[in-house]
Amino acid sequence: MKCLVYHGPMDVRIEECQKPEINSNEVLVKVLACGLCTTDVKTIRKGHRYIKPPCVLGHEIAGKIVEVGREVRGFREGELVVVAPYAPCDSCYFCLKGQHSLCEELFEQFPRPGGFAEFVAVPERIVRKGLIRMEGVQPEEACLTEPLACCLHGMKNLNLQPQDTVLIIGSGPMGLMLLQIAKLFGASYVIVSDLLDKRLEVASKIGADAILNPSKEEVSEQVKALTEGRGADRVIVAVGSPIAISQGISCVRKGGTVLLFGGCPPGSVMEVEPNMVHYDEVSLVGSFGFSPSDFSSAAHLIKERKLQLKDIISKRVEFDRVLEAVNLVSEAKCLKVVVLP
């Protein structure tokens, strides 16, 4: 089978790889679509401290089952499925606390060799907790289940309440999904901030009540003007920038919550005024990954067509154009890219 093999920064090669063989408790999936994640983009451009080449990247996988292990129940050949990149062990300290996204063995099993391949073998743990049928859904939309699950997990940590006013900083693919989820969960007013007018236009199209460009206006002043001087009830920082985090903190109301949703570069430091957190009772929360229930909920939302996903997908590429797509994403010239093996 053909794979896109990562050999180092800006070095990916289409190679002939051995088609994976499955065990009796596994499933073989023919990949039909795999989203290009920001982590993939960062890794391909500059490398990753935990990802060692050569390897096959890609973890936002949708495809068709072509082989089912004899011990597997509930799945059959020909079904369109979405494949989670990992599943928790259910037995470590964090799993027993219900914090599945922090599982100590989260990455012990993964679809092999990776989503940028023609076929992946889905290990037993993921078959049980992260393999979901997506009948009636286009593969390019089904593969957005994983990033959507991450957004749902973040929204859970944010503890959004009906009628909340929400500020989302960053209107990339994740920010645009967070916008739609906030609306679904009952937010009364959602403000989106971004430096790129084209992205703000998409945000406005899919439901933002107000859009702000920090290069043209003072965001905290505008947010307070839109909220009777209080600030937003909830702020989501959907970009990996300490500056954006500081801006988000300046926009939240007393007793409000700021969600750090985007990962910052290693070694980043942010400045927070302790007395503001103390006296104004501002909560700072983080979010990483998703739980099996988040993944299931995301799949359900996609199957029920609760979100406008086609507006988020701006490019579809085959293996030979992935580097071009990486450059476009890194230059913020497109939104979501889906790789079609």
C-alpha atoms as a PDB file:
ATOM      1  CA  MET A   1       0.000   0.000   0.000  1.00  0.00           C
ATOM      2  CA  LYS A   2       1.031   3.632  -0.376  1.00  0.00           C
ATOM      3  CA  CYS A   3       1.937   5.720   2.685  1.00  0.00           C
ATOM      4  CA  LEU A   4       3.081   9.279   3.208  1.00  0.00           C
ATOM      5  CA  VAL A   5       6.157   8.827   5.388  1.00  0.00           C
ATOM      6  CA  TYR A   6       7.516  11.665   7.515  1.00  0.00           C
ATOM      7  CA  HIS A   7      11.340  11.656   7.517  1.00  0.00           C
ATOM      8  CA  GLY A   8      12.009  15.010   9.159  1.00  0.00           C
ATOM      9  CA  PRO A   9      11.201  18.719   8.806  1.00  0.00           C
ATOM     10  CA  MET A  10       9.703  19.415   5.353  1.00  0.00           C
ATOM     11  CA  ASP A  11      10.614  15.896   4.233  1.00  0.00           C
ATOM     12  CA  VAL A  12       7.622  13.660   3.517  1.00  0.00           C
ATOM     13  CA  ARG A  13       7.767  10.930   0.899  1.00  0.00           C
ATOM     14  CA  ILE A  14       5.209   8.736  -0.790  1.00  0.00           C
ATOM     15  CA  GLU A  15       6.461   5.210  -0.225  1.00  0.00           C
ATOM     16  CA  GLU A  16       5.298   1.657  -0.714  1.00  0.00           C
ATOM     17  CA  CYS A  17       4.642   0.170   2.735  1.00  0.00           C
ATOM     18  CA  GLN A  18       3.475  -3.208   3.907  1.00  0.00           C
ATOM     19  CA  LYS A  19      -0.270  -3.416   4.360  1.00  0.00           C
ATOM     20  CA  PRO A  20      -0.929  -3.984   8.084  1.00  0.00           C
ATOM     21  CA  GLU A  21      -2.121  -7.372   9.251  1.00  0.00           C
ATOM     22  CA  ILE A  22      -4.745  -7.501  11.972  1.00  0.00           C
ATOM     23  CA  ASN A  23      -5.077  -9.665  15.054  1.00  0.00           C
ATOM     24  CA  SER A  24      -8.276 -11.505  15.924  1.00  0.00           C
ATOM     25  CA  ASN A  25      -9.558  -8.569  18.013  1.00  0.00           C
ATOM     26  CA  GLU A  26      -8.726  -5.832  15.504  1.00  0.00           C
ATOM     27  CA  VAL A  27     -10.284  -4.252  12.419  1.00  0.00           C
ATOM     28  CA  LEU A  28      -8.687  -3.223   9.115  1.00  0.00           C
ATOM     29  CA  VAL A  29      -9.936   0.052   7.651  1.00  0.00           C
ATOM     30  CA  LYS A  30      -9.355   1.473   4.185  1.00  0.00           C
ATOM     31  CA  VAL A  31      -8.703   5.176   4.756  1.00  0.00           C
ATOM     32  CA  LEU A  32     -11.005   7.403   2.713  1.00  0.00           C
ATOM     33  CA  ALA A  33     -10.184  10.742   4.353  1.00  0.00           C
ATOM     34  CA  CYS A  34      -7.794  12.013   7.015  1.00  0.00           C
ATOM     35  CA  GLY A  35      -7.757  15.540   8.353  1.00  0.00           C
ATOM     36  CA  LEU A  36      -4.516  17.507   8.407  1.00  0.00           C
ATOM     37  CA  CYS A  37      -4.213  18.566  12.048  1.00  0.00           C
ATOM     38  CA  THR A  38      -2.250  21.551  13.334  1.00  0.00           C
ATOM     39  CA  THR A  39       0.019  19.059  15.102  1.00  0.00           C
ATOM     40  CA  ASP A  40       0.726  17.407  11.739  1.00  0.00           C
ATOM     41  CA  VAL A  41       1.528  20.803  10.239  1.00  0.00           C
ATOM     42  CA  LYS A  42       3.866  21.775  13.090  1.00  0.00           C
ATOM     43  CA  THR A  43       5.590  18.385  12.979  1.00  0.00           C
ATOM     44  CA  ILE A  44       6.110  18.423   9.223  1.00  0.00           C
ATOM     45  CA  ARG A  45       7.425  21.983   9.310  1.00  0.00           C
ATOM     46  CA  LYS A  46       9.706  21.901  12.352  1.00  0.00           C
ATOM     47  CA  GLY A  47       9.674  18.427  13.881  1.00  0.00           C
ATOM     48  CA  HIS A  48       8.183  17.290  17.184  1.00  0.00           C
ATOM     49  CA  ARG A  49       9.973  16.338  20.380  1.00  0.00           C
ATOM     50  CA  TYR A  50       7.814  13.222  20.857  1.00  0.00           C
ATOM     51  CA  ILE A  51       7.451  12.112  17.220  1.00  0.00           C
ATOM     52  CA  LYS A  52      10.463  10.291  15.858  1.00  0.00           C
ATOM     53  CA  PRO A  53      10.892   9.805  12.087  1.00  0.00           C
ATOM     54  CA  PRO A  54      10.458   7.831   9.986  1.00  0.00           C
ATOM     55  CA  CYS A  55       6.764   7.424  10.704  1.00  0.00           C
ATOM     56  CA  VAL A  56       3.323   7.906   9.214  1.00  0.00           C
ATOM     57  CA  LEU A  57       1.373  10.862  10.599  1.00  0.00           C
ATOM     58  CA  GLY A  58      -2.369  11.494  10.452  1.00  0.00           C
ATOM     59  CA  HIS A  59      -4.891  10.778  13.200  1.00  0.00           C
ATOM     60  CA  GLU A  60      -8.223  12.237  12.035  1.00  0.00           C
ATOM     61  CA  ILE A  61      -9.313   9.108  10.206  1.00  0.00           C
ATOM     62  CA  ALA A  62     -12.492   8.093   8.391  1.00  0.00           C
ATOM     63  CA  GLY A  63     -12.733   5.035   6.192  1.00  0.00           C
ATOM     64  CA  LYS A  64     -14.412   1.781   5.271  1.00  0.00           C
ATOM     65  CA  ILE A  65     -14.012  -1.514   7.111  1.00  0.00           C
ATOM     66  CA  VAL A  66     -12.426  -4.110   4.828  1.00  0.00           C
ATOM     67  CA  GLU A  67     -11.593  -6.846   7.337  1.00  0.00           C
ATOM     68  CA  VAL A  68     -12.936  -7.785  10.772  1.00  0.00           C
ATOM     69  CA  GLY A  69     -11.046  -9.945  13.282  1.00  0.00           C
ATOM     70  CA  ARG A  70     -12.861 -13.126  14.278  1.00  0.00           C
ATOM     71  CA  GLU A  71     -13.278 -12.000  17.911  1.00  0.00           C
ATOM     72  CA  VAL A  72     -14.757  -8.607  16.991  1.00  0.00           C
ATOM     73  CA  ARG A  73     -18.503  -8.175  17.395  1.00  0.00           C
ATOM     74  CA  GLY A  74     -20.752  -5.390  16.164  1.00  0.00           C
ATOM     75  CA  PHE A  75     -18.916  -4.418  12.983  1.00  0.00           C
ATOM     76  CA  ARG A  76     -18.917  -5.785   9.470  1.00  0.00           C
ATOM     77  CA  GLU A  77     -17.067  -5.243   6.206  1.00  0.00           C
ATOM     78  CA  GLY A  78     -18.204  -2.316   4.093  1.00  0.00           C
ATOM     79  CA  GLU A  79     -19.285  -0.044   6.944  1.00  0.00           C
ATOM     80  CA  LEU A  80     -18.142   3.580   6.933  1.00  0.00           C
ATOM     81  CA  VAL A  81     -16.499   4.367  10.262  1.00  0.00           C
ATOM     82  CA  VAL A  82     -14.545   7.046  12.050  1.00  0.00           C
ATOM     83  CA  VAL A  83     -11.453   5.924  13.964  1.00  0.00           C
ATOM     84  CA  ALA A  84     -10.299   7.561  17.196  1.00  0.00           C
ATOM     85  CA  PRO A  85      -6.502   8.004  17.428  1.00  0.00           C
ATOM     86  CA  TYR A  86      -6.426   6.629  20.976  1.00  0.00           C
ATOM     87  CA  ALA A  87      -8.568   5.244  23.785  1.00  0.00           C
ATOM     88  CA  PRO A  88      -8.037   5.304  27.570  1.00  0.00           C
ATOM     89  CA  CYS A  89      -7.083   2.247  29.614  1.00  0.00           C
ATOM     90  CA  ASP A  90      -9.892   2.668  32.203  1.00  0.00           C
ATOM     91  CA  SER A  91      -7.644   1.388  34.998  1.00  0.00           C
ATOM     92  CA  CYS A  92      -5.012   4.053  35.765  1.00  0.00           C
ATOM     93  CA  TYR A  93      -5.356   6.749  38.463  1.00  0.00           C
ATOM     94  CA  PHE A  94      -6.758   9.356  36.060  1.00  0.00           C
ATOM     95  CA  CYS A  95      -9.196   7.012  34.341  1.00  0.00           C
ATOM     96  CA  LEU A  96     -10.568   5.926  37.703  1.00  0.00           C
ATOM     97  CA  LYS A  97     -11.094   9.616  38.493  1.00  0.00           C
ATOM     98  CA  GLY A  98     -13.039  10.001  35.237  1.00  0.00           C
ATOM     99  CA  GLN A  99     -10.276  12.108  33.638  1.00  0.00           C
ATOM    100  CA  HIS A 100      -9.869   9.908  30.580  1.00  0.00           C
ATOM    101  CA  SER A 101      -8.032  12.485  28.469  1.00  0.00           C
ATOM    102  CA  LEU A 102      -5.189  12.354  31.021  1.00  0.00           C
ATOM    103  CA  CYS A 103      -4.873   8.545  30.916  1.00  0.00           C
ATOM    104  CA  GLU A 104      -1.336   7.376  31.670  1.00  0.00           C
ATOM    105  CA  GLU A 105      -1.522   4.846  28.825  1.00  0.00           C
ATOM    106  CA  LEU A 106      -3.418   6.989  26.336  1.00  0.00           C
ATOM    107  CA  PHE A 107      -1.004   6.470  23.460  1.00  0.00           C
ATOM    108  CA  GLU A 108      -0.143   2.824  24.095  1.00  0.00           C
ATOM    109  CA  GLN A 109      -2.397   1.807  21.200  1.00  0.00           C
ATOM    110  CA  PHE A 110      -2.962   3.739  17.974  1.00  0.00           C
ATOM    111  CA  PRO A 111      -4.153   3.023  14.425  1.00  0.00           C
ATOM    112  CA  ARG A 112      -1.137   1.605  12.606  1.00  0.00           C
ATOM    113  CA  PRO A 113       0.776   2.892  10.781  1.00  0.00           C
ATOM    114  CA  GLY A 114      -1.114   6.224  10.768  1.00  0.00           C
ATOM    115  CA  GLY A 115      -3.863   7.980   8.850  1.00  0.00           C
ATOM    116  CA  PHE A 116      -1.743   9.110   5.913  1.00  0.00           C
ATOM    117  CA  ALA A 117      -1.817   5.583   4.529  1.00  0.00           C
ATOM    118  CA  GLU A 118      -4.204   3.589   2.379  1.00  0.00           C
ATOM    119  CA  PHE A 119      -5.062   1.203   5.225  1.00  0.00           C
ATOM    120  CA  VAL A 120      -4.893   1.265   9.022  1.00  0.00           C
ATOM    121  CA  ALA A 121      -5.183  -1.533  11.564  1.00  0.00           C
ATOM    122  CA  VAL A 122      -7.414  -0.487  14.454  1.00  0.00           C
ATOM    123  CA  PRO A 123      -6.276  -2.025  17.780  1.00  0.00           C
ATOM    124  CA  GLU A 124      -8.636  -3.722  20.210  1.00  0.00           C
ATOM    125  CA  ARG A 125      -8.980  -0.871  22.703  1.00  0.00           C
ATOM    126  CA  ILE A 126      -9.943   1.600  19.979  1.00  0.00           C
ATOM    127  CA  VAL A 127     -12.315  -0.922  18.377  1.00  0.00           C
ATOM    128  CA  ARG A 128     -14.177  -1.041  21.706  1.00  0.00           C
ATOM    129  CA  LYS A 129     -14.161   2.660  22.555  1.00  0.00           C
ATOM    130  CA  GLY A 130     -13.342   4.693  19.462  1.00  0.00           C
ATOM    131  CA  LEU A 131     -14.700   3.034  16.323  1.00  0.00           C
ATOM    132  CA  ILE A 132     -18.069   4.478  15.309  1.00  0.00           C
ATOM    133  CA  ARG A 133     -20.274   3.834  12.295  1.00  0.00           C
ATOM    134  CA  MET A 134     -20.957   6.984  10.243  1.00  0.00           C
ATOM    135  CA  GLU A 135     -23.530   5.808   7.717  1.00  0.00           C
ATOM    136  CA  GLY A 136     -24.844   8.557   5.458  1.00  0.00           C
ATOM    137  CA  VAL A 137     -21.936  10.915   6.171  1.00  0.00           C
ATOM    138  CA  GLN A 138     -19.306  11.991   3.657  1.00  0.00           C
ATOM    139  CA  PRO A 139     -15.836  10.722   4.713  1.00  0.00           C
ATOM    140  CA  GLU A 140     -14.348  14.228   4.577  1.00  0.00           C
ATOM    141  CA  GLU A 141     -16.887  15.373   7.167  1.00  0.00           C
ATOM    142  CA  ALA A 142     -16.686  12.168   9.215  1.00  0.00           C
ATOM    143  CA  CYS A 143     -12.932  12.663   9.704  1.00  0.00           C
ATOM    144  CA  LEU A 144     -13.669  15.878  11.610  1.00  0.00           C
ATOM    145  CA  THR A 145     -15.062  13.812  14.487  1.00  0.00           C
ATOM    146  CA  GLU A 146     -11.734  13.870  16.349  1.00  0.00           C
ATOM    147  CA  PRO A 147     -11.190  17.654  16.321  1.00  0.00           C
ATOM    148  CA  LEU A 148     -14.859  18.163  17.128  1.00  0.00           C
ATOM    149  CA  ALA A 149     -14.489  15.799  20.104  1.00  0.00           C
ATOM    150  CA  CYS A 150     -11.603  17.942  21.355  1.00  0.00           C
ATOM    151  CA  CYS A 151     -13.850  21.003  21.089  1.00  0.00           C
ATOM    152  CA  LEU A 152     -16.622  19.272  23.033  1.00  0.00           C
ATOM    153  CA  HIS A 153     -14.135  18.324  25.740  1.00  0.00           C
ATOM    154  CA  GLY A 154     -12.985  21.925  25.976  1.00  0.00           C
ATOM    155  CA  MET A 155     -16.550  23.154  26.205  1.00  0.00           C
ATOM    156  CA  LYS A 156     -17.182  20.678  29.026  1.00  0.00           C
ATOM    157  CA  ASN A 157     -14.181  22.062  30.941  1.00  0.00           C
ATOM    158  CA  LEU A 158     -15.382  25.602  30.278  1.00  0.00           C
ATOM    159  CA  ASN A 159     -18.718  24.767  31.943  1.00  0.00           C
ATOM    160  CA  LEU A 160     -20.701  26.913  29.525  1.00  0.00           C
ATOM    161  CA  GLN A 161     -24.133  27.885  30.843  1.00  0.00           C
ATOM    162  CA  PRO A 162     -27.249  28.793  28.842  1.00  0.00           C
ATOM    163  CA  GLN A 163     -27.434  32.519  28.040  1.00  0.00           C
ATOM    164  CA  ASP A 164     -23.687  32.994  28.560  1.00  0.00           C
ATOM    165  CA  THR A 165     -21.828  35.548  26.482  1.00  0.00           C
ATOM    166  CA  VAL A 166     -18.759  33.926  24.904  1.00  0.00           C
ATOM    167  CA  LEU A 167     -15.614  35.378  23.349  1.00  0.00           C
ATOM    168  CA  ILE A 168     -13.602  33.093  21.076  1.00  0.00           C
ATOM    169  CA  ILE A 169     -10.099  34.266  20.200  1.00  0.00           C
ATOM    170  CA  GLY A 170      -9.048  32.596  16.959  1.00  0.00           C
ATOM    171  CA  SER A 171     -11.301  31.521  14.101  1.00  0.00           C
ATOM    172  CA  GLY A 172      -9.327  28.688  12.601  1.00  0.00           C
ATOM    173  CA  PRO A 173     -11.080  25.332  12.109  1.00  0.00           C
ATOM    174  CA  MET A 174     -11.234  24.650  15.855  1.00  0.00           C
ATOM    175  CA  GLY A 175     -12.434  28.149  16.693  1.00  0.00           C
ATOM    176  CA  LEU A 176     -15.186  27.847  14.093  1.00  0.00           C
ATOM    177  CA  MET A 177     -16.307  24.523  15.533  1.00  0.00           C
ATOM    178  CA  LEU A 178     -16.229  25.964  19.058  1.00  0.00           C
ATOM    179  CA  LEU A 179     -18.400  28.833  17.830  1.00  0.00           C
ATOM    180  CA  GLN A 180     -21.060  26.436  16.576  1.00  0.00           C
ATOM    181  CA  ILE A 181     -20.923  24.287  19.710  1.00  0.00           C
ATOM    182  CA  ALA A 182     -21.314  27.362  21.914  1.00  0.00           C
ATOM    183  CA  LYS A 183     -24.468  28.237  20.004  1.00  0.00           C
ATOM    184  CA  LEU A 184     -25.768  24.671  20.253  1.00  0.00           C
ATOM    185  CA  PHE A 185     -25.158  24.688  23.997  1.00  0.00           C
ATOM    186  CA  GLY A 186     -27.224  27.825  24.494  1.00  0.00           C
ATOM    187  CA  ALA A 187     -24.797  30.750  24.434  1.00  0.00           C
ATOM    188  CA  SER A 188     -26.827  33.908  23.921  1.00  0.00           C
ATOM    189  CA  TYR A 189     -24.101  35.964  22.247  1.00  0.00           C
ATOM    190  CA  VAL A 190     -20.824  34.817  20.706  1.00  0.00           C
ATOM    191  CA  ILE A 191     -18.045  37.216  19.789  1.00  0.00           C
ATOM    192  CA  VAL A 192     -15.176  36.027  17.587  1.00  0.00           C
ATOM    193  CA  SER A 193     -11.801  37.754  17.356  1.00  0.00           C
ATOM    194  CA  ASP A 194      -9.184  37.106  14.679  1.00  0.00           C
ATOM    195  CA  LEU A 195      -6.509  38.979  12.751  1.00  0.00           C
ATOM    196  CA  LEU A 196      -7.756  37.656   9.397  1.00  0.00           C
ATOM    197  CA  ASP A 197     -10.868  39.243   7.918  1.00  0.00           C
ATOM    198  CA  LYS A 198     -11.528  36.258   5.639  1.00  0.00           C
ATOM    199  CA  ARG A 199     -11.821  33.969   8.643  1.00  0.00           C
ATOM    200  CA  LEU A 200     -14.034  36.459  10.428  1.00  0.00           C
ATOM    201  CA  GLU A 201     -16.332  36.447   7.395  1.00  0.00           C
ATOM    202  CA  VAL A 202     -16.731  32.679   7.766  1.00  0.00           C
ATOM    203  CA  ALA A 203     -17.379  33.088  11.493  1.00  0.00           C
ATOM    204  CA  SER A 204     -20.094  35.623  10.767  1.00  0.00           C
ATOM    205  CA  LYS A 205     -21.631  33.333   8.152  1.00  0.00           C
ATOM    206  CA  ILE A 206     -21.923  30.382  10.536  1.00  0.00           C
ATOM    207  CA  GLY A 207     -23.313  32.198  13.529  1.00  0.00           C
ATOM    208  CA  ALA A 208     -21.023  34.742  15.220  1.00  0.00           C
ATOM    209  CA  ASP A 209     -23.029  37.621  16.675  1.00  0.00           C
ATOM    210  CA  ALA A 210     -20.057  40.001  16.534  1.00  0.00           C
ATOM    211  CA  ILE A 211     -16.609  39.854  14.947  1.00  0.00           C
ATOM    212  CA  LEU A 212     -13.524  41.791  16.014  1.00  0.00           C
ATOM    213  CA  ASN A 213     -10.117  42.296  14.431  1.00  0.00           C
ATOM    214  CA  PRO A 214      -7.466  43.212  17.035  1.00  0.00           C
ATOM    215  CA  SER A 215      -5.350  44.892  14.367  1.00  0.00           C
ATOM    216  CA  LYS A 216      -8.154  47.403  13.846  1.00  0.00           C
ATOM    217  CA  GLU A 217      -9.769  47.792  17.269  1.00  0.00           C
ATOM    218  CA  GLU A 218      -9.127  47.324  20.974  1.00  0.00           C
ATOM    219  CA  VAL A 219     -10.728  43.967  21.659  1.00  0.00           C
ATOM    220  CA  SER A 220     -11.193  44.278  25.431  1.00  0.00           C
ATOM    221  CA  GLU A 221     -12.881  47.669  25.038  1.00  0.00           C
ATOM    222  CA  GLN A 222     -15.200  46.336  22.352  1.00  0.00           C
ATOM    223  CA  VAL A 223     -16.063  43.207  24.352  1.00  0.00           C
ATOM    224  CA  LYS A 224     -16.958  45.305  27.381  1.00  0.00           C
ATOM    225  CA  ALA A 225     -19.011  47.651  25.205  1.00  0.00           C
ATOM    226  CA  LEU A 226     -20.946  44.637  23.937  1.00  0.00           C
ATOM    227  CA  THR A 227     -21.516  43.269  27.461  1.00  0.00           C
ATOM    228  CA  GLU A 228     -22.665  46.358  29.371  1.00  0.00           C
ATOM    229  CA  GLY A 229     -19.163  46.896  30.699  1.00  0.00           C
ATOM    230  CA  ARG A 230     -18.820  43.502  32.385  1.00  0.00           C
ATOM    231  CA  GLY A 231     -16.766  41.443  29.954  1.00  0.00           C
ATOM    232  CA  ALA A 232     -17.567  38.017  28.542  1.00  0.00           C
ATOM    233  CA  ASP A 233     -18.886  35.261  30.814  1.00  0.00           C
ATOM    234  CA  ARG A 234     -16.624  32.728  29.097  1.00  0.00           C
ATOM    235  CA  VAL A 235     -13.514  33.247  26.994  1.00  0.00           C
ATOM    236  CA  ILE A 236     -11.975  30.580  24.771  1.00  0.00           C
ATOM    237  CA  VAL A 237      -8.409  31.159  23.589  1.00  0.00           C
ATOM    238  CA  ALA A 238      -8.270  28.944  20.508  1.00  0.00           C
ATOM    239  CA  VAL A 239      -4.758  29.925  19.449  1.00  0.00           C
ATOM    240  CA  GLY A 240      -1.427  28.951  20.981  1.00  0.00           C
ATOM    241  CA  SER A 241      -0.199  32.386  21.969  1.00  0.00           C
ATOM    242  CA  PRO A 242       0.624  33.845  25.405  1.00  0.00           C
ATOM    243  CA  ILE A 243      -0.328  37.272  24.034  1.00  0.00           C
ATOM    244  CA  ALA A 244      -3.754  35.951  23.057  1.00  0.00           C
ATOM    245  CA  ILE A 245      -4.149  34.408  26.514  1.00  0.00           C
ATOM    246  CA  SER A 246      -3.394  37.755  28.165  1.00  0.00           C
ATOM    247  CA  GLN A 247      -5.913  39.394  25.859  1.00  0.00           C
ATOM    248  CA  GLY A 248      -8.501  36.778  26.774  1.00  0.00           C
ATOM    249  CA  ILE A 249      -7.980  37.357  30.485  1.00  0.00           C
ATOM    250  CA  SER A 250      -8.485  41.098  29.970  1.00  0.00           C
ATOM    251  CA  CYS A 251     -11.863  40.400  28.344  1.00  0.00           C
ATOM    252  CA  VAL A 252     -13.459  38.105  30.939  1.00  0.00           C
ATOM    253  CA  ARG A 253     -15.926  39.341  33.558  1.00  0.00           C
ATOM    254  CA  LYS A 254     -15.599  38.932  37.307  1.00  0.00           C
ATOM    255  CA  GLY A 255     -16.368  35.322  38.173  1.00  0.00           C
ATOM    256  CA  GLY A 256     -15.870  34.299  34.555  1.00  0.00           C
ATOM    257  CA  THR A 257     -13.787  31.524  33.046  1.00  0.00           C
ATOM    258  CA  VAL A 258     -10.974  31.527  30.488  1.00  0.00           C
ATOM    259  CA  LEU A 259     -10.280  28.295  28.596  1.00  0.00           C
ATOM    260  CA  LEU A 260      -6.761  27.772  27.240  1.00  0.00           C
ATOM    261  CA  PHE A 261      -7.575  25.635  24.215  1.00  0.00           C
ATOM    262  CA  GLY A 262      -4.542  26.135  21.957  1.00  0.00           C
ATOM    263  CA  GLY A 263      -1.154  24.667  22.802  1.00  0.00           C
ATOM    264  CA  CYS A 264       1.669  27.219  23.024  1.00  0.00           C
ATOM    265  CA  PRO A 265       5.255  26.598  21.874  1.00  0.00           C
ATOM    266  CA  PRO A 266       7.402  24.755  24.472  1.00  0.00           C
ATOM    267  CA  GLY A 267       8.869  27.132  27.021  1.00  0.00           C
ATOM    268  CA  SER A 268       6.168  29.771  26.599  1.00  0.00           C
ATOM    269  CA  VAL A 269       5.406  31.918  29.629  1.00  0.00           C
ATOM    270  CA  MET A 270       2.283  33.965  30.298  1.00  0.00           C
ATOM    271  CA  GLU A 271       1.838  36.821  32.740  1.00  0.00           C
ATOM    272  CA  VAL A 272      -1.202  36.782  34.999  1.00  0.00           C
ATOM    273  CA  GLU A 273      -2.026  39.343  37.673  1.00  0.00           C
ATOM    274  CA  PRO A 274      -2.664  37.180  40.770  1.00  0.00           C
ATOM    275  CA  ASN A 275      -4.953  39.708  42.428  1.00  0.00           C
ATOM    276  CA  MET A 276      -7.267  39.704  39.426  1.00  0.00           C
ATOM    277  CA  VAL A 277      -7.660  35.933  39.728  1.00  0.00           C
ATOM    278  CA  HIS A 278      -8.004  36.247  43.504  1.00  0.00           C
ATOM    279  CA  TYR A 279     -10.314  39.226  43.953  1.00  0.00           C
ATOM    280  CA  ASP A 280     -12.293  38.892  40.715  1.00  0.00           C
ATOM    281  CA  GLU A 281     -12.605  35.115  41.113  1.00  0.00           C
ATOM    282  CA  VAL A 282     -11.521  34.469  37.531  1.00  0.00           C
ATOM    283  CA  SER A 283     -10.954  30.809  36.652  1.00  0.00           C
ATOM    284  CA  LEU A 284      -8.290  29.660  34.195  1.00  0.00           C
ATOM    285  CA  VAL A 285      -8.832  26.143  32.844  1.00  0.00           C
ATOM    286  CA  GLY A 286      -7.078  24.003  30.268  1.00  0.00           C
ATOM    287  CA  SER A 287      -8.217  21.372  27.819  1.00  0.00           C
ATOM    288  CA  PHE A 288      -6.436  18.544  26.048  1.00  0.00           C
ATOM    289  CA  GLY A 289      -7.795  15.797  23.835  1.00  0.00           C
ATOM    290  CA  PHE A 290     -11.092  14.069  24.483  1.00  0.00           C
ATOM    291  CA  SER A 291     -12.794  11.182  26.242  1.00  0.00           C
ATOM    292  CA  PRO A 292     -14.678   8.306  24.577  1.00  0.00           C
ATOM    293  CA  SER A 293     -17.958  10.017  25.468  1.00  0.00           C
ATOM    294  CA  ASP A 294     -16.768  13.236  23.785  1.00  0.00           C
ATOM    295  CA  PHE A 295     -15.863  11.238  20.672  1.00  0.00           C
ATOM    296  CA  SER A 296     -19.259   9.542  20.618  1.00  0.00           C
ATOM    297  CA  SER A 297     -21.056  12.871  21.086  1.00  0.00           C
ATOM    298  CA  ALA A 298     -19.052  14.448  18.271  1.00  0.00           C
ATOM    299  CA  ALA A 299     -19.933  11.604  15.909  1.00  0.00           C
ATOM    300  CA  HIS A 300     -23.598  11.995  16.839  1.00  0.00           C
ATOM    301  CA  LEU A 301     -23.568  15.738  16.109  1.00  0.00           C
ATOM    302  CA  ILE A 302     -22.013  15.112  12.699  1.00  0.00           C
ATOM    303  CA  LYS A 303     -24.464  12.342  11.837  1.00  0.00           C
ATOM    304  CA  GLU A 304     -27.361  14.567  12.880  1.00  0.00           C
ATOM    305  CA  ARG A 305     -25.920  17.406  10.758  1.00  0.00           C
ATOM    306  CA  LYS A 306     -25.957  19.859  13.647  1.00  0.00           C
ATOM    307  CA  LEU A 307     -22.881  21.735  12.376  1.00  0.00           C
ATOM    308  CA  GLN A 308     -21.854  23.489   9.184  1.00  0.00           C
ATOM    309  CA  LEU A 309     -18.656  21.601   8.410  1.00  0.00           C
ATOM    310  CA  LYS A 310     -18.365  22.204   4.669  1.00  0.00           C
ATOM    311  CA  ASP A 311     -17.643  25.874   5.334  1.00  0.00           C
ATOM    312  CA  ILE A 312     -14.653  24.830   7.447  1.00  0.00           C
ATOM    313  CA  ILE A 313     -13.103  22.471   4.867  1.00  0.00           C
ATOM    314  CA  SER A 314     -11.303  24.644   2.334  1.00  0.00           C
ATOM    315  CA  LYS A 315      -8.966  22.182   0.607  1.00  0.00           C
ATOM    316  CA  ARG A 316      -8.788  18.497  -0.308  1.00  0.00           C
ATOM    317  CA  VAL A 317      -5.431  17.085  -1.369  1.00  0.00           C
ATOM    318  CA  GLU A 318      -3.788  13.798  -2.249  1.00  0.00           C
ATOM    319  CA  PHE A 319      -0.437  12.660  -0.834  1.00  0.00           C
ATOM    320  CA  ASP A 320       1.626  14.471  -3.469  1.00  0.00           C
ATOM    321  CA  ARG A 321       0.228  17.862  -2.432  1.00  0.00           C
ATOM    322  CA  VAL A 322       0.462  17.586   1.339  1.00  0.00           C
ATOM    323  CA  LEU A 323       3.573  19.784   1.590  1.00  0.00           C
ATOM    324  CA  GLU A 324       1.806  22.462  -0.417  1.00  0.00           C
ATOM    325  CA  ALA A 325      -1.138  22.217   1.966  1.00  0.00           C
ATOM    326  CA  VAL A 326       1.169  22.418   4.997  1.00  0.00           C
ATOM    327  CA  ASN A 327       2.572  25.692   3.688  1.00  0.00           C
ATOM    328  CA  LEU A 328      -0.899  27.093   3.017  1.00  0.00           C
ATOM    329  CA  VAL A 329      -2.082  26.232   6.533  1.00  0.00           C
ATOM    330  CA  SER A 330       1.057  27.618   8.178  1.00  0.00           C
ATOM    331  CA  GLU A 331       0.580  30.860   6.229  1.00  0.00           C
ATOM    332  CA  ALA A 332      -3.110  30.965   7.243  1.00  0.00           C
ATOM    333  CA  LYS A 333      -4.181  30.884   3.604  1.00  0.00           C
ATOM    334  CA  CYS A 334      -6.769  28.165   4.107  1.00  0.00           C
ATOM    335  CA  LEU A 335      -8.840  26.583   6.857  1.00  0.00           C
ATOM    336  CA  LYS A 336      -9.209  22.814   7.207  1.00  0.00           C
ATOM    337  CA  VAL A 337      -7.356  20.522   4.815  1.00  0.00           C
ATOM    338  CA  VAL A 338      -8.495  16.941   4.264  1.00  0.00           C
ATOM    339  CA  VAL A 339      -6.045  14.409   2.825  1.00  0.00           C
ATOM    340  CA  LEU A 340      -7.528  11.850   0.429  1.00  0.00           C
ATOM    341  CA  PRO A 341      -5.250   8.786   0.057  1.00  0.00           C
END
